Full PDB file with SEQRES, HELIX, SHEET, SSBOND, CRYST1, ORIGX, SCALE, CONECT and MASTER records, all heavy atoms in Angstrom:
SEQRES   1 A   40  LEU ASP MET HIS GLY ARG ALA ALA VAL LEU TYR GLY ASN          
SEQRES   2 A   40  ALA LEU ASP ALA PHE GLY VAL GLU LYS GLN ARG LEU ASN          
SEQRES   3 A   40  SER SER ILE GLU SER ILE ARG ASN GLY ASN PHE PHE LYS          
SEQRES   4 A   40  ALA                                                          
HELIX    1 AA1 HIS A    4  ARG A   33  1                                  30    
HELIX    2 AA2 ASN A   36  LYS A   39  1                                   4    
CRYST1    1.000    1.000    1.000  90.00  90.00  90.00 P 1           1          
ORIGX1      1.000000  0.000000  0.000000        0.00000                         
ORIGX2      0.000000  1.000000  0.000000        0.00000                         
ORIGX3      0.000000  0.000000  1.000000        0.00000                         
SCALE1      1.000000  0.000000  0.000000        0.00000                         
SCALE2      0.000000  1.000000  0.000000        0.00000                         
SCALE3      0.000000  0.000000  1.000000        0.00000                         
ATOM      1  N   LEU A   1     -18.999  16.638  23.733  1.00  0.00           N  
ATOM      2  CA  LEU A   1     -18.762  17.730  24.683  1.00  0.00           C  
ATOM      3  C   LEU A   1     -18.739  19.082  23.975  1.00  0.00           C  
ATOM      4  O   LEU A   1     -18.314  20.085  24.556  1.00  0.00           O  
ATOM      5  CB  LEU A   1     -17.428  17.493  25.407  1.00  0.00           C  
ATOM      6  CG  LEU A   1     -17.377  16.285  26.356  1.00  0.00           C  
ATOM      7  CD1 LEU A   1     -15.951  16.050  26.850  1.00  0.00           C  
ATOM      8  CD2 LEU A   1     -18.318  16.489  27.537  1.00  0.00           C  
ATOM      9  N   ASP A   2     -19.190  19.077  22.689  1.00  0.00           N  
ATOM     10  CA  ASP A   2     -19.244  20.290  21.856  1.00  0.00           C  
ATOM     11  C   ASP A   2     -17.870  20.890  21.620  1.00  0.00           C  
ATOM     12  O   ASP A   2     -17.732  22.093  21.361  1.00  0.00           O  
ATOM     13  CB  ASP A   2     -20.168  21.343  22.499  1.00  0.00           C  
ATOM     14  CG  ASP A   2     -21.618  20.884  22.500  1.00  0.00           C  
ATOM     15  OD1 ASP A   2     -21.989  20.097  21.594  1.00  0.00           O  
ATOM     16  OD2 ASP A   2     -22.361  21.270  23.415  1.00  0.00           O  
ATOM     17  N   MET A   3     -16.827  20.052  21.685  1.00  0.00           N  
ATOM     18  CA  MET A   3     -15.472  20.501  21.333  1.00  0.00           C  
ATOM     19  C   MET A   3     -15.168  19.962  19.940  1.00  0.00           C  
ATOM     20  O   MET A   3     -14.324  19.093  19.732  1.00  0.00           O  
ATOM     21  CB  MET A   3     -14.469  19.990  22.370  1.00  0.00           C  
ATOM     22  CG  MET A   3     -14.758  20.486  23.772  1.00  0.00           C  
ATOM     23  SD  MET A   3     -13.687  19.762  25.029  1.00  0.00           S  
ATOM     24  CE  MET A   3     -12.116  20.465  24.551  1.00  0.00           C  
ATOM     25  N   HIS A   4     -15.888  20.511  18.962  1.00  0.00           N  
ATOM     26  CA  HIS A   4     -15.848  19.969  17.607  1.00  0.00           C  
ATOM     27  C   HIS A   4     -14.512  20.196  16.931  1.00  0.00           C  
ATOM     28  O   HIS A   4     -14.071  19.361  16.123  1.00  0.00           O  
ATOM     29  CB  HIS A   4     -16.967  20.592  16.775  1.00  0.00           C  
ATOM     30  CG  HIS A   4     -18.331  20.333  17.345  1.00  0.00           C  
ATOM     31  ND1 HIS A   4     -18.902  19.076  17.382  1.00  0.00           N  
ATOM     32  CD2 HIS A   4     -19.235  21.185  17.931  1.00  0.00           C  
ATOM     33  CE1 HIS A   4     -20.099  19.143  17.949  1.00  0.00           C  
ATOM     34  NE2 HIS A   4     -20.326  20.428  18.294  1.00  0.00           N  
ATOM     35  N   GLY A   5     -13.868  21.270  17.206  1.00  0.00           N  
ATOM     36  CA  GLY A   5     -12.559  21.514  16.617  1.00  0.00           C  
ATOM     37  C   GLY A   5     -11.544  20.473  17.070  1.00  0.00           C  
ATOM     38  O   GLY A   5     -10.790  19.908  16.266  1.00  0.00           O  
ATOM     39  N   ARG A   6     -11.528  20.235  18.371  1.00  0.00           N  
ATOM     40  CA  ARG A   6     -10.643  19.205  18.908  1.00  0.00           C  
ATOM     41  C   ARG A   6     -11.005  17.843  18.335  1.00  0.00           C  
ATOM     42  O   ARG A   6     -10.132  17.047  17.980  1.00  0.00           O  
ATOM     43  CB  ARG A   6     -10.773  19.177  20.440  1.00  0.00           C  
ATOM     44  CG  ARG A   6      -9.981  18.107  21.158  1.00  0.00           C  
ATOM     45  CD  ARG A   6      -8.509  18.338  21.052  1.00  0.00           C  
ATOM     46  NE  ARG A   6      -7.750  17.401  21.870  1.00  0.00           N  
ATOM     47  CZ  ARG A   6      -6.465  17.188  21.749  1.00  0.00           C  
ATOM     48  NH1 ARG A   6      -5.769  17.855  20.828  1.00  0.00           N  
ATOM     49  NH2 ARG A   6      -5.854  16.338  22.537  1.00  0.00           N  
ATOM     50  N   ALA A   7     -12.284  17.561  18.210  1.00  0.00           N  
ATOM     51  CA  ALA A   7     -12.737  16.286  17.653  1.00  0.00           C  
ATOM     52  C   ALA A   7     -12.290  16.144  16.205  1.00  0.00           C  
ATOM     53  O   ALA A   7     -11.814  15.079  15.788  1.00  0.00           O  
ATOM     54  CB  ALA A   7     -14.251  16.174  17.760  1.00  0.00           C  
ATOM     55  N   ALA A   8     -12.405  17.243  15.422  1.00  0.00           N  
ATOM     56  CA  ALA A   8     -12.005  17.175  14.017  1.00  0.00           C  
ATOM     57  C   ALA A   8     -10.521  16.884  13.881  1.00  0.00           C  
ATOM     58  O   ALA A   8     -10.092  16.079  13.037  1.00  0.00           O  
ATOM     59  CB  ALA A   8     -12.352  18.490  13.321  1.00  0.00           C  
ATOM     60  N   VAL A   9      -9.710  17.541  14.703  1.00  0.00           N  
ATOM     61  CA  VAL A   9      -8.265  17.296  14.659  1.00  0.00           C  
ATOM     62  C   VAL A   9      -7.955  15.848  14.998  1.00  0.00           C  
ATOM     63  O   VAL A   9      -7.136  15.186  14.335  1.00  0.00           O  
ATOM     64  CB  VAL A   9      -7.533  18.250  15.618  1.00  0.00           C  
ATOM     65  CG1 VAL A   9      -6.063  17.869  15.734  1.00  0.00           C  
ATOM     66  CG2 VAL A   9      -7.671  19.687  15.150  1.00  0.00           C  
ATOM     67  N   LEU A  10      -8.610  15.299  16.028  1.00  0.00           N  
ATOM     68  CA  LEU A  10      -8.356  13.918  16.434  1.00  0.00           C  
ATOM     69  C   LEU A  10      -8.860  12.916  15.394  1.00  0.00           C  
ATOM     70  O   LEU A  10      -8.246  11.863  15.196  1.00  0.00           O  
ATOM     71  CB  LEU A  10      -8.993  13.638  17.792  1.00  0.00           C  
ATOM     72  CG  LEU A  10      -8.333  14.352  18.973  1.00  0.00           C  
ATOM     73  CD1 LEU A  10      -9.120  14.115  20.248  1.00  0.00           C  
ATOM     74  CD2 LEU A  10      -6.900  13.869  19.156  1.00  0.00           C  
ATOM     75  N   TYR A  11      -9.955  13.245  14.737  1.00  0.00           N  
ATOM     76  CA  TYR A  11     -10.402  12.387  13.640  1.00  0.00           C  
ATOM     77  C   TYR A  11      -9.371  12.384  12.519  1.00  0.00           C  
ATOM     78  O   TYR A  11      -9.109  11.343  11.884  1.00  0.00           O  
ATOM     79  CB  TYR A  11     -11.749  12.861  13.104  1.00  0.00           C  
ATOM     80  CG  TYR A  11     -12.939  12.349  13.902  1.00  0.00           C  
ATOM     81  CD1 TYR A  11     -13.903  13.234  14.405  1.00  0.00           C  
ATOM     82  CD2 TYR A  11     -13.118  10.992  14.132  1.00  0.00           C  
ATOM     83  CE1 TYR A  11     -14.999  12.784  15.130  1.00  0.00           C  
ATOM     84  CE2 TYR A  11     -14.213  10.524  14.859  1.00  0.00           C  
ATOM     85  CZ  TYR A  11     -15.145  11.422  15.354  1.00  0.00           C  
ATOM     86  OH  TYR A  11     -16.220  10.971  16.070  1.00  0.00           O  
ATOM     87  N   GLY A  12      -8.782  13.545  12.267  1.00  0.00           N  
ATOM     88  CA  GLY A  12      -7.726  13.610  11.261  1.00  0.00           C  
ATOM     89  C   GLY A  12      -6.521  12.775  11.664  1.00  0.00           C  
ATOM     90  O   GLY A  12      -5.931  12.065  10.830  1.00  0.00           O  
ATOM     91  N   ASN A  13      -6.156  12.854  12.956  1.00  0.00           N  
ATOM     92  CA  ASN A  13      -5.052  12.013  13.440  1.00  0.00           C  
ATOM     93  C   ASN A  13      -5.387  10.527  13.310  1.00  0.00           C  
ATOM     94  O   ASN A  13      -4.520   9.706  12.985  1.00  0.00           O  
ATOM     95  CB  ASN A  13      -4.745  12.338  14.898  1.00  0.00           C  
ATOM     96  CG  ASN A  13      -4.195  13.736  15.076  1.00  0.00           C  
ATOM     97  OD1 ASN A  13      -3.699  14.345  14.117  1.00  0.00           O  
ATOM     98  ND2 ASN A  13      -4.293  14.273  16.290  1.00  0.00           N  
ATOM     99  N   ALA A  14      -6.651  10.202  13.576  1.00  0.00           N  
ATOM    100  CA  ALA A  14      -7.072   8.805  13.433  1.00  0.00           C  
ATOM    101  C   ALA A  14      -6.956   8.349  11.983  1.00  0.00           C  
ATOM    102  O   ALA A  14      -6.504   7.230  11.702  1.00  0.00           O  
ATOM    103  CB  ALA A  14      -8.499   8.631  13.936  1.00  0.00           C  
ATOM    104  N   LEU A  15      -7.349   9.228  11.056  1.00  0.00           N  
ATOM    105  CA  LEU A  15      -7.221   8.877   9.641  1.00  0.00           C  
ATOM    106  C   LEU A  15      -5.765   8.642   9.267  1.00  0.00           C  
ATOM    107  O   LEU A  15      -5.446   7.706   8.511  1.00  0.00           O  
ATOM    108  CB  LEU A  15      -7.812   9.989   8.773  1.00  0.00           C  
ATOM    109  CG  LEU A  15      -9.340   9.993   8.636  1.00  0.00           C  
ATOM    110  CD1 LEU A  15      -9.813  11.250   7.924  1.00  0.00           C  
ATOM    111  CD2 LEU A  15      -9.802   8.746   7.877  1.00  0.00           C  
ATOM    112  N   ASP A  16      -4.877   9.490   9.774  1.00  0.00           N  
ATOM    113  CA  ASP A  16      -3.450   9.287   9.502  1.00  0.00           C  
ATOM    114  C   ASP A  16      -2.978   7.952  10.065  1.00  0.00           C  
ATOM    115  O   ASP A  16      -2.226   7.211   9.409  1.00  0.00           O  
ATOM    116  CB  ASP A  16      -2.633  10.432  10.113  1.00  0.00           C  
ATOM    117  CG  ASP A  16      -2.918  11.761   9.445  1.00  0.00           C  
ATOM    118  OD1 ASP A  16      -3.402  11.748   8.295  1.00  0.00           O  
ATOM    119  OD2 ASP A  16      -2.670  12.808  10.076  1.00  0.00           O  
ATOM    120  N   ALA A  17      -3.383   7.660  11.304  1.00  0.00           N  
ATOM    121  CA  ALA A  17      -2.991   6.390  11.923  1.00  0.00           C  
ATOM    122  C   ALA A  17      -3.552   5.201  11.151  1.00  0.00           C  
ATOM    123  O   ALA A  17      -2.862   4.193  10.937  1.00  0.00           O  
ATOM    124  CB  ALA A  17      -3.455   6.345  13.376  1.00  0.00           C  
ATOM    125  N   PHE A  18      -4.817   5.315  10.720  1.00  0.00           N  
ATOM    126  CA  PHE A  18      -5.420   4.237   9.938  1.00  0.00           C  
ATOM    127  C   PHE A  18      -4.700   4.070   8.603  1.00  0.00           C  
ATOM    128  O   PHE A  18      -4.533   2.947   8.108  1.00  0.00           O  
ATOM    129  CB  PHE A  18      -6.900   4.507   9.708  1.00  0.00           C  
ATOM    130  CG  PHE A  18      -7.728   4.431  10.964  1.00  0.00           C  
ATOM    131  CD1 PHE A  18      -8.864   5.224  11.115  1.00  0.00           C  
ATOM    132  CD2 PHE A  18      -7.390   3.573  11.991  1.00  0.00           C  
ATOM    133  CE1 PHE A  18      -9.629   5.164  12.269  1.00  0.00           C  
ATOM    134  CE2 PHE A  18      -8.153   3.501  13.149  1.00  0.00           C  
ATOM    135  CZ  PHE A  18      -9.271   4.303  13.287  1.00  0.00           C  
ATOM    136  N   GLY A  19      -4.279   5.174   8.009  1.00  0.00           N  
ATOM    137  CA  GLY A  19      -3.542   5.091   6.749  1.00  0.00           C  
ATOM    138  C   GLY A  19      -2.221   4.362   6.922  1.00  0.00           C  
ATOM    139  O   GLY A  19      -1.851   3.502   6.104  1.00  0.00           O  
ATOM    140  N   VAL A  20      -1.497   4.706   7.983  1.00  0.00           N  
ATOM    141  CA  VAL A  20      -0.240   4.019   8.262  1.00  0.00           C  
ATOM    142  C   VAL A  20      -0.492   2.538   8.540  1.00  0.00           C  
ATOM    143  O   VAL A  20       0.239   1.663   8.057  1.00  0.00           O  
ATOM    144  CB  VAL A  20       0.471   4.680   9.465  1.00  0.00           C  
ATOM    145  CG1 VAL A  20       1.672   3.857   9.887  1.00  0.00           C  
ATOM    146  CG2 VAL A  20       0.879   6.100   9.122  1.00  0.00           C  
ATOM    147  N   GLU A  21      -1.538   2.269   9.291  1.00  0.00           N  
ATOM    148  CA  GLU A  21      -1.868   0.882   9.630  1.00  0.00           C  
ATOM    149  C   GLU A  21      -2.243   0.092   8.379  1.00  0.00           C  
ATOM    150  O   GLU A  21      -1.839  -1.069   8.219  1.00  0.00           O  
ATOM    151  CB  GLU A  21      -3.012   0.851  10.636  1.00  0.00           C  
ATOM    152  CG  GLU A  21      -3.376  -0.529  11.159  1.00  0.00           C  
ATOM    153  CD  GLU A  21      -2.288  -1.132  12.024  1.00  0.00           C  
ATOM    154  OE1 GLU A  21      -1.354  -0.399  12.422  1.00  0.00           O  
ATOM    155  OE2 GLU A  21      -2.356  -2.342  12.275  1.00  0.00           O  
ATOM    156  N   LYS A  22      -2.994   0.715   7.497  1.00  0.00           N  
ATOM    157  CA  LYS A  22      -3.393   0.031   6.270  1.00  0.00           C  
ATOM    158  C   LYS A  22      -2.175  -0.256   5.393  1.00  0.00           C  
ATOM    159  O   LYS A  22      -2.071  -1.328   4.777  1.00  0.00           O  
ATOM    160  CB  LYS A  22      -4.406   0.882   5.512  1.00  0.00           C  
ATOM    161  CG  LYS A  22      -5.033   0.171   4.311  1.00  0.00           C  
ATOM    162  CD  LYS A  22      -6.137   1.005   3.707  1.00  0.00           C  
ATOM    163  CE  LYS A  22      -6.765   0.297   2.509  1.00  0.00           C  
ATOM    164  NZ  LYS A  22      -7.861   1.098   1.917  1.00  0.00           N  
ATOM    165  N   GLN A  23      -1.255   0.701   5.353  1.00  0.00           N  
ATOM    166  CA  GLN A  23      -0.029   0.485   4.594  1.00  0.00           C  
ATOM    167  C   GLN A  23       0.774  -0.669   5.186  1.00  0.00           C  
ATOM    168  O   GLN A  23       1.337  -1.493   4.461  1.00  0.00           O  
ATOM    169  CB  GLN A  23       0.804   1.769   4.591  1.00  0.00           C  
ATOM    170  CG  GLN A  23       2.048   1.684   3.707  1.00  0.00           C  
ATOM    171  CD  GLN A  23       2.801   2.999   3.670  1.00  0.00           C  
ATOM    172  OE1 GLN A  23       2.381   3.988   4.260  1.00  0.00           O  
ATOM    173  NE2 GLN A  23       3.931   3.002   2.964  1.00  0.00           N  
ATOM    174  N   ARG A  24       0.816  -0.728   6.510  1.00  0.00           N  
ATOM    175  CA  ARG A  24       1.499  -1.849   7.170  1.00  0.00           C  
ATOM    176  C   ARG A  24       0.833  -3.177   6.823  1.00  0.00           C  
ATOM    177  O   ARG A  24       1.512  -4.180   6.575  1.00  0.00           O  
ATOM    178  CB  ARG A  24       1.475  -1.654   8.678  1.00  0.00           C  
ATOM    179  CG  ARG A  24       2.601  -0.797   9.224  1.00  0.00           C  
ATOM    180  CD  ARG A  24       2.629  -0.906  10.728  1.00  0.00           C  
ATOM    181  NE  ARG A  24       3.814  -0.313  11.305  1.00  0.00           N  
ATOM    182  CZ  ARG A  24       4.166  -0.426  12.572  1.00  0.00           C  
ATOM    183  NH1 ARG A  24       3.406  -1.122  13.397  1.00  0.00           N  
ATOM    184  NH2 ARG A  24       5.268   0.140  13.026  1.00  0.00           N  
ATOM    185  N   LEU A  25      -0.488  -3.174   6.857  1.00  0.00           N  
ATOM    186  CA  LEU A  25      -1.212  -4.405   6.545  1.00  0.00           C  
ATOM    187  C   LEU A  25      -0.915  -4.861   5.125  1.00  0.00           C  
ATOM    188  O   LEU A  25      -0.680  -6.051   4.885  1.00  0.00           O  
ATOM    189  CB  LEU A  25      -2.717  -4.185   6.735  1.00  0.00           C  
ATOM    190  CG  LEU A  25      -3.202  -4.110   8.184  1.00  0.00           C  
ATOM    191  CD1 LEU A  25      -4.612  -3.552   8.242  1.00  0.00           C  
ATOM    192  CD2 LEU A  25      -3.161  -5.490   8.837  1.00  0.00           C  
ATOM    193  N   ASN A  26      -0.925  -3.932   4.182  1.00  0.00           N  
ATOM    194  CA  ASN A  26      -0.625  -4.292   2.795  1.00  0.00           C  
ATOM    195  C   ASN A  26       0.800  -4.832   2.663  1.00  0.00           C  
ATOM    196  O   ASN A  26       1.049  -5.811   1.954  1.00  0.00           O  
ATOM    197  CB  ASN A  26      -0.812  -3.072   1.886  1.00  0.00           C  
ATOM    198  CG  ASN A  26      -2.274  -2.694   1.729  1.00  0.00           C  
ATOM    199  OD1 ASN A  26      -3.160  -3.555   1.779  1.00  0.00           O  
ATOM    200  ND2 ASN A  26      -2.550  -1.415   1.551  1.00  0.00           N  
ATOM    201  N   SER A  27       1.739  -4.178   3.368  1.00  0.00           N  
ATOM    202  CA  SER A  27       3.135  -4.643   3.327  1.00  0.00           C  
ATOM    203  C   SER A  27       3.251  -6.034   3.938  1.00  0.00           C  
ATOM    204  O   SER A  27       3.982  -6.895   3.430  1.00  0.00           O  
ATOM    205  CB  SER A  27       4.040  -3.666   4.074  1.00  0.00           C  
ATOM    206  OG  SER A  27       4.000  -2.380   3.490  1.00  0.00           O  
ATOM    207  N   SER A  28       2.531  -6.259   5.036  1.00  0.00           N  
ATOM    208  CA  SER A  28       2.579  -7.566   5.690  1.00  0.00           C  
ATOM    209  C   SER A  28       1.993  -8.647   4.800  1.00  0.00           C  
ATOM    210  O   SER A  28       2.564  -9.741   4.674  1.00  0.00           O  
ATOM    211  CB  SER A  28       1.833  -7.516   7.020  1.00  0.00           C  
ATOM    212  OG  SER A  28       2.470  -6.649   7.926  1.00  0.00           O  
ATOM    213  N   ILE A  29       0.869  -8.367   4.182  1.00  0.00           N  
ATOM    214  CA  ILE A  29       0.238  -9.345   3.295  1.00  0.00           C  
ATOM    215  C   ILE A  29       1.173  -9.683   2.136  1.00  0.00           C  
ATOM    216  O   ILE A  29       1.366 -10.859   1.787  1.00  0.00           O  
ATOM    217  CB  ILE A  29      -1.111  -8.814   2.777  1.00  0.00           C  
ATOM    218  CG1 ILE A  29      -2.121  -8.722   3.934  1.00  0.00           C  
ATOM    219  CG2 ILE A  29      -1.654  -9.696   1.670  1.00  0.00           C  
ATOM    220  CD1 ILE A  29      -3.421  -8.036   3.563  1.00  0.00           C  
ATOM    221  N   GLU A  30       1.783  -8.670   1.547  1.00  0.00           N  
ATOM    222  CA  GLU A  30       2.690  -8.899   0.432  1.00  0.00           C  
ATOM    223  C   GLU A  30       3.924  -9.683   0.873  1.00  0.00           C  
ATOM    224  O   GLU A  30       4.386 -10.598   0.177  1.00  0.00           O  
ATOM    225  CB  GLU A  30       3.114  -7.552  -0.165  1.00  0.00           C  
ATOM    226  CG  GLU A  30       3.968  -7.662  -1.416  1.00  0.00           C  
ATOM    227  CD  GLU A  30       3.230  -8.304  -2.586  1.00  0.00           C  
ATOM    228  OE1 GLU A  30       1.978  -8.217  -2.602  1.00  0.00           O  
ATOM    229  OE2 GLU A  30       3.896  -8.887  -3.456  1.00  0.00           O  
ATOM    230  N   SER A  31       4.444  -9.339   2.040  1.00  0.00           N  
ATOM    231  CA  SER A  31       5.632 -10.030   2.544  1.00  0.00           C  
ATOM    232  C   SER A  31       5.329 -11.490   2.850  1.00  0.00           C  
ATOM    233  O   SER A  31       6.151 -12.372   2.572  1.00  0.00           O  
ATOM    234  CB  SER A  31       6.145  -9.316   3.800  1.00  0.00           C  
ATOM    235  OG  SER A  31       7.297  -9.953   4.302  1.00  0.00           O  
ATOM    236  N   ILE A  32       4.163 -11.754   3.425  1.00  0.00           N  
ATOM    237  CA  ILE A  32       3.780 -13.141   3.716  1.00  0.00           C  
ATOM    238  C   ILE A  32       3.614 -13.929   2.429  1.00  0.00           C  
ATOM    239  O   ILE A  32       4.041 -15.087   2.324  1.00  0.00           O  
ATOM    240  CB  ILE A  32       2.492 -13.165   4.561  1.00  0.00           C  
ATOM    241  CG1 ILE A  32       2.771 -12.606   5.963  1.00  0.00           C  
ATOM    242  CG2 ILE A  32       1.938 -14.581   4.669  1.00  0.00           C  
ATOM    243  CD1 ILE A  32       1.538 -12.432   6.816  1.00  0.00           C  
ATOM    244  N   ARG A  33       3.027 -13.311   1.421  1.00  0.00           N  
ATOM    245  CA  ARG A  33       2.858 -13.996   0.136  1.00  0.00           C  
ATOM    246  C   ARG A  33       4.195 -14.315  -0.518  1.00  0.00           C  
ATOM    247  O   ARG A  33       4.324 -15.305  -1.245  1.00  0.00           O  
ATOM    248  CB  ARG A  33       2.017 -13.126  -0.798  1.00  0.00           C  
ATOM    249  CG  ARG A  33       0.528 -13.160  -0.465  1.00  0.00           C  
ATOM    250  CD  ARG A  33      -0.243 -12.190  -1.321  1.00  0.00           C  
ATOM    251  NE  ARG A  33      -1.691 -12.338  -1.115  1.00  0.00           N  
ATOM    252  CZ  ARG A  33      -2.603 -11.450  -1.509  1.00  0.00           C  
ATOM    253  NH1 ARG A  33      -2.196 -10.330  -2.128  1.00  0.00           N  
ATOM    254  NH2 ARG A  33      -3.876 -11.656  -1.287  1.00  0.00           N  
ATOM    255  N   ASN A  34       5.201 -13.498  -0.238  1.00  0.00           N  
ATOM    256  CA  ASN A  34       6.534 -13.727  -0.812  1.00  0.00           C  
ATOM    257  C   ASN A  34       7.350 -14.745  -0.021  1.00  0.00           C  
ATOM    258  O   ASN A  34       8.507 -15.019  -0.354  1.00  0.00           O  
ATOM    259  CB  ASN A  34       7.306 -12.407  -0.883  1.00  0.00           C  
ATOM    260  CG  ASN A  34       6.694 -11.441  -1.885  1.00  0.00           C  
ATOM    261  OD1 ASN A  34       6.025 -11.862  -2.833  1.00  0.00           O  
ATOM    262  ND2 ASN A  34       6.907 -10.155  -1.686  1.00  0.00           N  
ATOM    263  N   GLY A  35       6.781 -15.298   1.062  1.00  0.00           N  
ATOM    264  CA  GLY A  35       7.457 -16.327   1.832  1.00  0.00           C  
ATOM    265  C   GLY A  35       8.389 -15.823   2.909  1.00  0.00           C  
ATOM    266  O   GLY A  35       9.113 -16.614   3.533  1.00  0.00           O  
ATOM    267  N   ASN A  36       8.400 -14.524   3.167  1.00  0.00           N  
ATOM    268  CA  ASN A  36       9.309 -13.986   4.176  1.00  0.00           C  
ATOM    269  C   ASN A  36       8.892 -14.360   5.594  1.00  0.00           C  
ATOM    270  O   ASN A  36       9.718 -14.366   6.508  1.00  0.00           O  
ATOM    271  CB  ASN A  36       9.389 -12.458   4.058  1.00  0.00           C  
ATOM    272  CG  ASN A  36       9.999 -12.033   2.741  1.00  0.00           C  
ATOM    273  OD1 ASN A  36      10.847 -12.727   2.193  1.00  0.00           O  
ATOM    274  ND2 ASN A  36       9.555 -10.900   2.209  1.00  0.00           N  
ATOM    275  N   PHE A  37       7.601 -14.653   5.772  1.00  0.00           N  
ATOM    276  CA  PHE A  37       7.114 -14.994   7.107  1.00  0.00           C  
ATOM    277  C   PHE A  37       7.814 -16.243   7.643  1.00  0.00           C  
ATOM    278  O   PHE A  37       8.273 -16.283   8.785  1.00  0.00           O  
ATOM    279  CB  PHE A  37       5.599 -15.197   7.054  1.00  0.00           C  
ATOM    280  CG  PHE A  37       5.003 -15.641   8.357  1.00  0.00           C  
ATOM    281  CD1 PHE A  37       4.820 -14.756   9.395  1.00  0.00           C  
ATOM    282  CD2 PHE A  37       4.622 -16.961   8.549  1.00  0.00           C  
ATOM    283  CE1 PHE A  37       4.270 -15.160  10.601  1.00  0.00           C  
ATOM    284  CE2 PHE A  37       4.066 -17.376   9.740  1.00  0.00           C  
ATOM    285  CZ  PHE A  37       3.888 -16.469  10.765  1.00  0.00           C  
ATOM    286  N   PHE A  38       7.931 -17.269   6.787  1.00  0.00           N  
ATOM    287  CA  PHE A  38       8.528 -18.518   7.247  1.00  0.00           C  
ATOM    288  C   PHE A  38      10.042 -18.410   7.380  1.00  0.00           C  
ATOM    289  O   PHE A  38      10.642 -19.111   8.187  1.00  0.00           O  
ATOM    290  CB  PHE A  38       8.146 -19.650   6.297  1.00  0.00           C  
ATOM    291  CG  PHE A  38       6.668 -19.896   6.248  1.00  0.00           C  
ATOM    292  CD1 PHE A  38       5.933 -19.604   5.123  1.00  0.00           C  
ATOM    293  CD2 PHE A  38       6.012 -20.392   7.353  1.00  0.00           C  
ATOM    294  CE1 PHE A  38       4.570 -19.817   5.086  1.00  0.00           C  
ATOM    295  CE2 PHE A  38       4.647 -20.611   7.336  1.00  0.00           C  
ATOM    296  CZ  PHE A  38       3.924 -20.320   6.192  1.00  0.00           C  
ATOM    297  N   LYS A  39      10.647 -17.518   6.599  1.00  0.00           N  
ATOM    298  CA  LYS A  39      12.081 -17.294   6.779  1.00  0.00           C  
ATOM    299  C   LYS A  39      12.360 -16.713   8.159  1.00  0.00           C  
ATOM    300  O   LYS A  39      13.365 -17.037   8.788  1.00  0.00           O  
ATOM    301  CB  LYS A  39      12.602 -16.344   5.701  1.00  0.00           C  
ATOM    302  CG  LYS A  39      12.574 -16.938   4.297  1.00  0.00           C  
ATOM    303  CD  LYS A  39      13.080 -15.941   3.270  1.00  0.00           C  
ATOM    304  CE  LYS A  39      13.011 -16.521   1.867  1.00  0.00           C  
ATOM    305  NZ  LYS A  39      13.454 -15.540   0.842  1.00  0.00           N  
ATOM    306  N   ALA A  40      11.449 -15.860   8.627  1.00  0.00           N  
ATOM    307  CA  ALA A  40      11.611 -15.287   9.971  1.00  0.00           C  
ATOM    308  C   ALA A  40      11.336 -16.328  11.047  1.00  0.00           C  
ATOM    309  O   ALA A  40      11.960 -16.322  12.107  1.00  0.00           O  
ATOM    310  CB  ALA A  40      10.679 -14.091  10.150  1.00  0.00           C  
TER     311      ALA A  40                                                      
MASTER        0    0    0    2    0    0    0    6  310    1    0    4          
END                                                                             
């Protein structure tokens, strides 16, 4: 829609969200490897 500024900001927000999500995934993988999954 040629609203490139708005698009750039939202892409930045998406990158932040993906970063948080990736950190969660890494934490989850590490926690599962440590056996915490079955304790829960």
